[in-house]
Amino acid sequence: MALASSESSTIPPVVITFVRASPNSITLDFSLGAAPKLRSGAQPTPLQIACYELQWRLVAEPGERIGPSQDSPWEVASSTLKNSRCTKGGLAAGAAYAFRARCCNTGQFWGALGPETAPLRTLLPELPADCSESLKVPSKVLAAQAEKEAERAQREAAERTARDSAAHAERVQHEHAMQRVRKAESAALAYEHTAARIITQAIEQCGAHAQRSLYERAEKRVGTVRFELQEEVGATPLMASDWPLMASEGFWWPLVASDDL
């Protein structure tokens, strides 16, 4: 298997649920917990599981020591489990065990180990029918305790799965909300750019219109002055060469801008 990389950080942990126990085995179900939080803008990729790895250890009774520590070290039961349900055999009757697991995708990247289960206890072997009642009573008590512990472990695993699912749903909802906010901000920015362009075009058009209006008013004023000068000097049309002479004789009327045009 390939070593873990950035891709392995997107593989969700495996949550173990207790199914049943026998004197020498414990059956477990695998399910995927909440996926790790993605970076902003990253898109999740569909996960295809190639196999599971199950690890187990013996849990010491109160006051008991197994090896250098109170509990035994973790051991790998199998790294090639193909199904989401498995049974770990070869266990001691009436003993407590803890389990944890992880999964590998089709790209041969392993995810992180999931949470450790609460101690799960195997059942005691059934006593012969002809044994004394003094032996049956302790056995029944221990069997009832084992069943209660198994039920409690299953309930805790279900609650943990529900909490992980709720947290994942909240993160997904938050990501969707942030995407909507970013889209709204982009739309507002585009609207501002469009409005600025329209305003600029309107100003340019108003300026061109004002310039044309001023030019037309100036032409009209020139025509009026020319007509008045012609009436003053007679009906002879004025030529362009007459303007300097008339100006020297006092007939020049300067053009002054007027709002009465």
Protein backbone atom coordinates (compact mmCIF):
# COMPACT_ATOMS: atom_id res chain seq x y z
CA MET A 1 0.00 0.00 0.00
CA ALA A 2 1.18 3.51 -0.71
CA LEU A 3 2.10 5.84 2.12
CA ALA A 4 -0.46 8.36 3.30
CA SER A 5 -0.44 11.67 1.44
CA SER A 6 -2.63 14.72 1.07
CA GLU A 7 -5.28 12.46 -0.46
CA SER A 8 -5.44 10.34 2.70
CA SER A 9 -6.49 13.43 4.68
CA THR A 10 -9.83 13.43 2.82
CA ILE A 11 -10.71 9.82 3.78
CA PRO A 12 -13.19 9.71 6.68
CA PRO A 13 -12.45 7.57 9.76
CA VAL A 14 -14.16 4.22 10.30
CA VAL A 15 -16.69 3.94 13.13
CA ILE A 16 -17.23 0.47 14.60
CA THR A 17 -20.63 -0.75 15.80
CA PHE A 18 -21.04 -3.86 17.94
CA VAL A 19 -23.32 -6.54 16.46
CA ARG A 20 -23.09 -9.64 18.63
CA ALA A 21 -20.72 -11.74 20.70
CA SER A 22 -20.13 -15.43 21.31
CA PRO A 23 -17.80 -17.16 23.77
CA ASN A 24 -14.89 -16.97 21.30
CA SER A 25 -15.76 -14.21 18.81
CA ILE A 26 -17.17 -10.71 18.40
CA THR A 27 -18.98 -9.48 15.28
CA LEU A 28 -18.62 -5.84 14.23
CA ASP A 29 -19.98 -3.47 11.59
CA PHE A 30 -17.95 -0.77 9.85
CA SER A 31 -19.37 2.62 8.85
CA LEU A 32 -17.76 5.89 7.73
CA GLY A 33 -17.67 8.81 10.13
CA ALA A 34 -17.72 12.49 9.28
CA ALA A 35 -15.39 13.46 6.44
CA PRO A 36 -12.49 15.78 7.31
CA LYS A 37 -13.19 19.49 6.71
CA LEU A 38 -12.05 20.61 3.27
CA ARG A 39 -10.20 23.77 2.44
CA SER A 40 -12.34 26.68 1.28
CA GLY A 41 -13.33 26.16 -2.33
CA ALA A 42 -12.21 22.48 -2.44
CA GLN A 43 -14.67 20.01 -3.92
CA PRO A 44 -15.20 16.60 -2.22
CA THR A 45 -14.44 13.53 -4.34
CA PRO A 46 -16.50 10.31 -4.20
CA LEU A 47 -14.90 7.70 -1.96
CA GLN A 48 -14.51 4.14 -3.20
CA ILE A 49 -13.35 1.78 -0.47
CA ALA A 50 -10.99 -1.01 -1.46
CA CYS A 51 -10.59 -2.67 1.95
CA TYR A 52 -10.64 -2.24 5.73
CA GLU A 53 -8.05 -2.86 8.42
CA LEU A 54 -9.17 -4.07 11.87
CA GLN A 55 -7.00 -3.71 14.97
CA TRP A 56 -7.74 -5.20 18.39
CA ARG A 57 -6.31 -5.52 21.87
CA LEU A 58 -7.17 -7.21 25.14
CA VAL A 59 -8.47 -4.85 27.81
CA ALA A 60 -7.28 -5.57 31.32
CA GLU A 61 -9.67 -5.99 34.20
CA PRO A 62 -9.47 -3.37 36.98
CA GLY A 63 -6.23 -3.89 38.87
CA GLU A 64 -4.91 -6.31 36.25
CA ARG A 65 -1.79 -5.69 34.15
CA ILE A 66 -1.10 -7.19 30.72
CA GLY A 67 2.52 -6.92 29.65
CA PRO A 68 4.41 -3.65 30.32
CA SER A 69 1.17 -1.61 30.38
CA GLN A 70 -2.27 -2.21 31.80
CA ASP A 71 -3.74 -3.08 28.37
CA SER A 72 -2.15 -5.24 25.71
CA PRO A 73 -0.63 -3.56 22.63
CA TRP A 74 -2.66 -3.13 19.45
CA GLU A 75 -2.54 -5.97 16.95
CA VAL A 76 -3.70 -6.06 13.33
CA ALA A 77 -6.39 -8.68 12.83
CA SER A 78 -6.51 -8.15 9.03
CA SER A 79 -5.72 -5.46 6.47
CA THR A 80 -7.64 -6.98 3.57
CA LEU A 81 -11.24 -7.01 4.79
CA LYS A 82 -13.59 -6.45 1.84
CA ASN A 83 -16.96 -6.32 3.62
CA SER A 84 -18.37 -3.80 6.10
CA ARG A 85 -19.11 -6.60 8.61
CA CYS A 86 -16.52 -8.91 10.09
CA THR A 87 -16.17 -11.39 12.96
CA LYS A 88 -12.98 -11.53 15.02
CA GLY A 89 -12.49 -15.09 16.23
CA GLY A 90 -9.96 -16.76 18.45
CA LEU A 91 -10.91 -14.70 21.51
CA ALA A 92 -11.00 -15.85 25.10
CA ALA A 93 -14.40 -16.48 26.69
CA GLY A 94 -15.54 -13.80 29.11
CA ALA A 95 -12.69 -11.41 28.22
CA ALA A 96 -12.99 -7.75 27.21
CA TYR A 97 -11.54 -6.42 23.96
CA ALA A 98 -11.26 -3.03 22.25
CA PHE A 99 -11.27 -2.50 18.50
CA ARG A 100 -10.47 0.24 16.00
CA ALA A 101 -10.34 0.33 12.20
CA ARG A 102 -9.44 2.34 9.13
CA CYS A 103 -10.17 2.07 5.41
CA CYS A 104 -8.18 2.23 2.19
CA ASN A 105 -9.49 3.75 -1.05
CA THR A 106 -8.96 2.41 -4.55
CA GLY A 107 -5.96 4.70 -4.91
CA GLN A 108 -4.26 2.67 -2.14
CA PHE A 109 -4.28 5.52 0.37
CA TRP A 110 -5.12 4.71 4.00
CA GLY A 111 -7.28 6.99 6.09
CA ALA A 112 -6.78 7.77 9.76
CA LEU A 113 -7.77 5.26 12.41
CA GLY A 114 -11.29 5.70 13.75
CA PRO A 115 -12.23 5.96 17.42
CA GLU A 116 -11.55 3.08 19.74
CA THR A 117 -14.59 1.14 20.88
CA ALA A 118 -15.57 0.74 24.49
CA PRO A 119 -14.51 -2.64 25.93
CA LEU A 120 -16.56 -5.40 24.31
CA ARG A 121 -16.79 -8.68 26.20
CA THR A 122 -17.17 -12.17 24.82
CA LEU A 123 -19.75 -14.48 26.35
CA LEU A 124 -19.01 -17.27 28.77
CA PRO A 125 -19.47 -20.78 27.43
CA GLU A 126 -22.77 -22.42 28.17
CA LEU A 127 -22.68 -24.75 31.15
CA PRO A 128 -23.78 -28.33 30.80
CA ALA A 129 -27.39 -28.95 31.68
CA ASP A 130 -26.43 -31.28 34.52
CA CYS A 131 -24.13 -28.83 36.32
CA SER A 132 -24.96 -27.60 39.79
CA GLU A 133 -26.97 -24.45 40.41
CA SER A 134 -24.01 -22.99 42.30
CA LEU A 135 -22.12 -22.85 39.01
CA LYS A 136 -25.06 -21.66 36.91
CA VAL A 137 -25.77 -18.54 38.96
CA PRO A 138 -22.32 -16.87 38.59
CA SER A 139 -22.32 -17.78 34.93
CA LYS A 140 -25.72 -16.16 34.37
CA VAL A 141 -24.64 -13.05 36.24
CA LEU A 142 -21.50 -12.69 34.14
CA ALA A 143 -23.44 -13.36 30.95
CA ALA A 144 -25.98 -10.68 31.86
CA GLN A 145 -23.18 -8.23 32.63
CA ALA A 146 -21.54 -9.01 29.30
CA GLU A 147 -24.80 -8.40 27.45
CA LYS A 148 -25.31 -5.10 29.26
CA GLU A 149 -21.77 -3.97 28.41
CA ALA A 150 -22.30 -4.96 24.77
CA GLU A 151 -25.58 -3.04 24.62
CA ARG A 152 -23.97 0.01 26.24
CA ALA A 153 -21.07 -0.11 23.76
CA GLN A 154 -23.50 -0.38 20.84
CA ARG A 155 -25.54 2.55 22.16
CA GLU A 156 -22.43 4.71 22.62
CA ALA A 157 -21.23 3.86 19.11
CA ALA A 158 -24.64 4.82 17.67
CA GLU A 159 -24.64 8.11 19.59
CA ARG A 160 -21.11 8.88 18.43
CA THR A 161 -22.08 8.17 14.82
CA ALA A 162 -25.11 10.45 15.15
CA ARG A 163 -22.96 13.27 16.58
CA ASP A 164 -20.42 12.89 13.78
CA SER A 165 -23.18 12.94 11.16
CA ALA A 166 -24.73 16.07 12.69
CA ALA A 167 -21.35 17.84 12.77
CA HIS A 168 -20.72 16.88 9.14
CA ALA A 169 -24.16 18.17 8.10
CA GLU A 170 -23.50 21.45 9.91
CA ARG A 171 -20.16 21.88 8.14
CA VAL A 172 -21.77 21.17 4.75
CA GLN A 173 -24.54 23.67 5.49
CA HIS A 174 -21.96 26.29 6.48
CA GLU A 175 -20.00 25.69 3.25
CA HIS A 176 -23.18 26.09 1.18
CA ALA A 177 -24.03 29.32 3.01
CA MET A 178 -20.53 30.70 2.37
CA GLN A 179 -20.83 29.80 -1.32
CA ARG A 180 -24.11 31.71 -1.53
CA VAL A 181 -22.48 34.72 0.16
CA ARG A 182 -19.57 34.66 -2.27
CA LYS A 183 -21.97 34.47 -5.24
CA ALA A 184 -23.96 37.42 -3.89
CA GLU A 185 -20.78 39.46 -3.43
CA SER A 186 -19.67 38.66 -6.99
CA ALA A 187 -23.10 39.66 -8.35
CA ALA A 188 -23.02 42.94 -6.40
CA LEU A 189 -19.53 43.74 -7.70
CA ALA A 190 -20.60 43.03 -11.29
CA TYR A 191 -23.66 45.26 -10.79
CA GLU A 192 -21.44 48.10 -9.51
CA HIS A 193 -19.15 47.80 -12.54
CA THR A 194 -22.14 47.82 -14.92
CA ALA A 195 -23.68 50.86 -13.19
CA ALA A 196 -20.37 52.77 -13.34
CA ARG A 197 -20.03 52.01 -17.05
CA ILE A 198 -23.60 53.20 -17.76
CA ILE A 199 -23.06 56.42 -15.77
CA THR A 200 -19.79 57.11 -17.62
CA GLN A 201 -21.51 56.62 -20.98
CA ALA A 202 -24.35 58.95 -19.92
CA ILE A 203 -21.90 61.66 -18.88
CA GLU A 204 -20.05 61.37 -22.17
CA GLN A 205 -23.30 61.57 -24.11
CA CYS A 206 -24.45 64.64 -22.12
CA GLY A 207 -21.11 66.34 -22.77
CA ALA A 208 -21.34 65.70 -26.51
CA HIS A 209 -24.91 66.99 -26.57
CA ALA A 210 -23.94 70.17 -24.66
CA GLN A 211 -21.05 70.78 -27.04
CA ARG A 212 -23.32 70.44 -30.09
CA SER A 213 -25.90 72.77 -28.50
CA LEU A 214 -23.26 75.43 -27.77
CA TYR A 215 -21.93 75.23 -31.33
CA GLU A 216 -25.44 75.62 -32.76
CA ARG A 217 -26.12 78.64 -30.53
CA ALA A 218 -22.81 80.24 -31.62
CA GLU A 219 -23.66 79.75 -35.30
CA LYS A 220 -27.06 81.31 -34.72
CA ARG A 221 -25.50 84.31 -32.96
CA VAL A 222 -23.00 84.82 -35.78
CA GLY A 223 -25.81 84.75 -38.32
CA THR A 224 -27.78 87.35 -36.32
CA VAL A 225 -24.80 89.71 -36.04
CA ARG A 226 -24.03 89.34 -39.73
CA PHE A 227 -27.64 90.23 -40.60
CA GLU A 228 -27.58 93.32 -38.35
CA LEU A 229 -24.28 94.48 -39.87
CA GLN A 230 -25.68 94.10 -43.36
CA GLU A 231 -28.69 96.23 -42.42
CA GLU A 232 -26.35 98.84 -40.94
CA VAL A 233 -24.11 99.23 -43.98
CA GLY A 234 -26.75 98.60 -46.63
CA ALA A 235 -28.02 95.74 -48.67
CA THR A 236 -24.59 94.95 -50.11
CA PRO A 237 -23.60 91.48 -48.95
CA LEU A 238 -20.57 91.45 -46.71
CA MET A 239 -17.54 89.58 -47.85
CA ALA A 240 -15.01 88.03 -45.61
CA SER A 241 -12.52 90.73 -46.66
CA ASP A 242 -14.86 93.49 -45.37
CA TRP A 243 -14.68 92.42 -41.73
CA PRO A 244 -11.32 94.07 -40.89
CA LEU A 245 -12.36 97.36 -42.57
CA MET A 246 -15.68 97.50 -40.74
CA ALA A 247 -14.02 96.76 -37.50
CA SER A 248 -11.68 99.73 -38.06
CA GLU A 249 -14.67 102.01 -38.80
CA GLY A 250 -16.48 101.09 -35.61
CA PHE A 251 -19.01 98.63 -37.09
CA TRP A 252 -17.49 95.62 -35.40
CA TRP A 253 -19.77 94.06 -32.78
CA PRO A 254 -18.02 91.56 -30.65
CA LEU A 255 -19.67 88.18 -30.21
CA VAL A 256 -20.71 87.77 -26.61
CA ALA A 257 -22.29 84.64 -25.26
CA SER A 258 -25.90 85.23 -24.34
CA ASP A 259 -28.55 83.14 -22.63
CA ASP A 260 -31.30 84.79 -24.70
CA LEU A 261 -30.61 82.79 -27.87
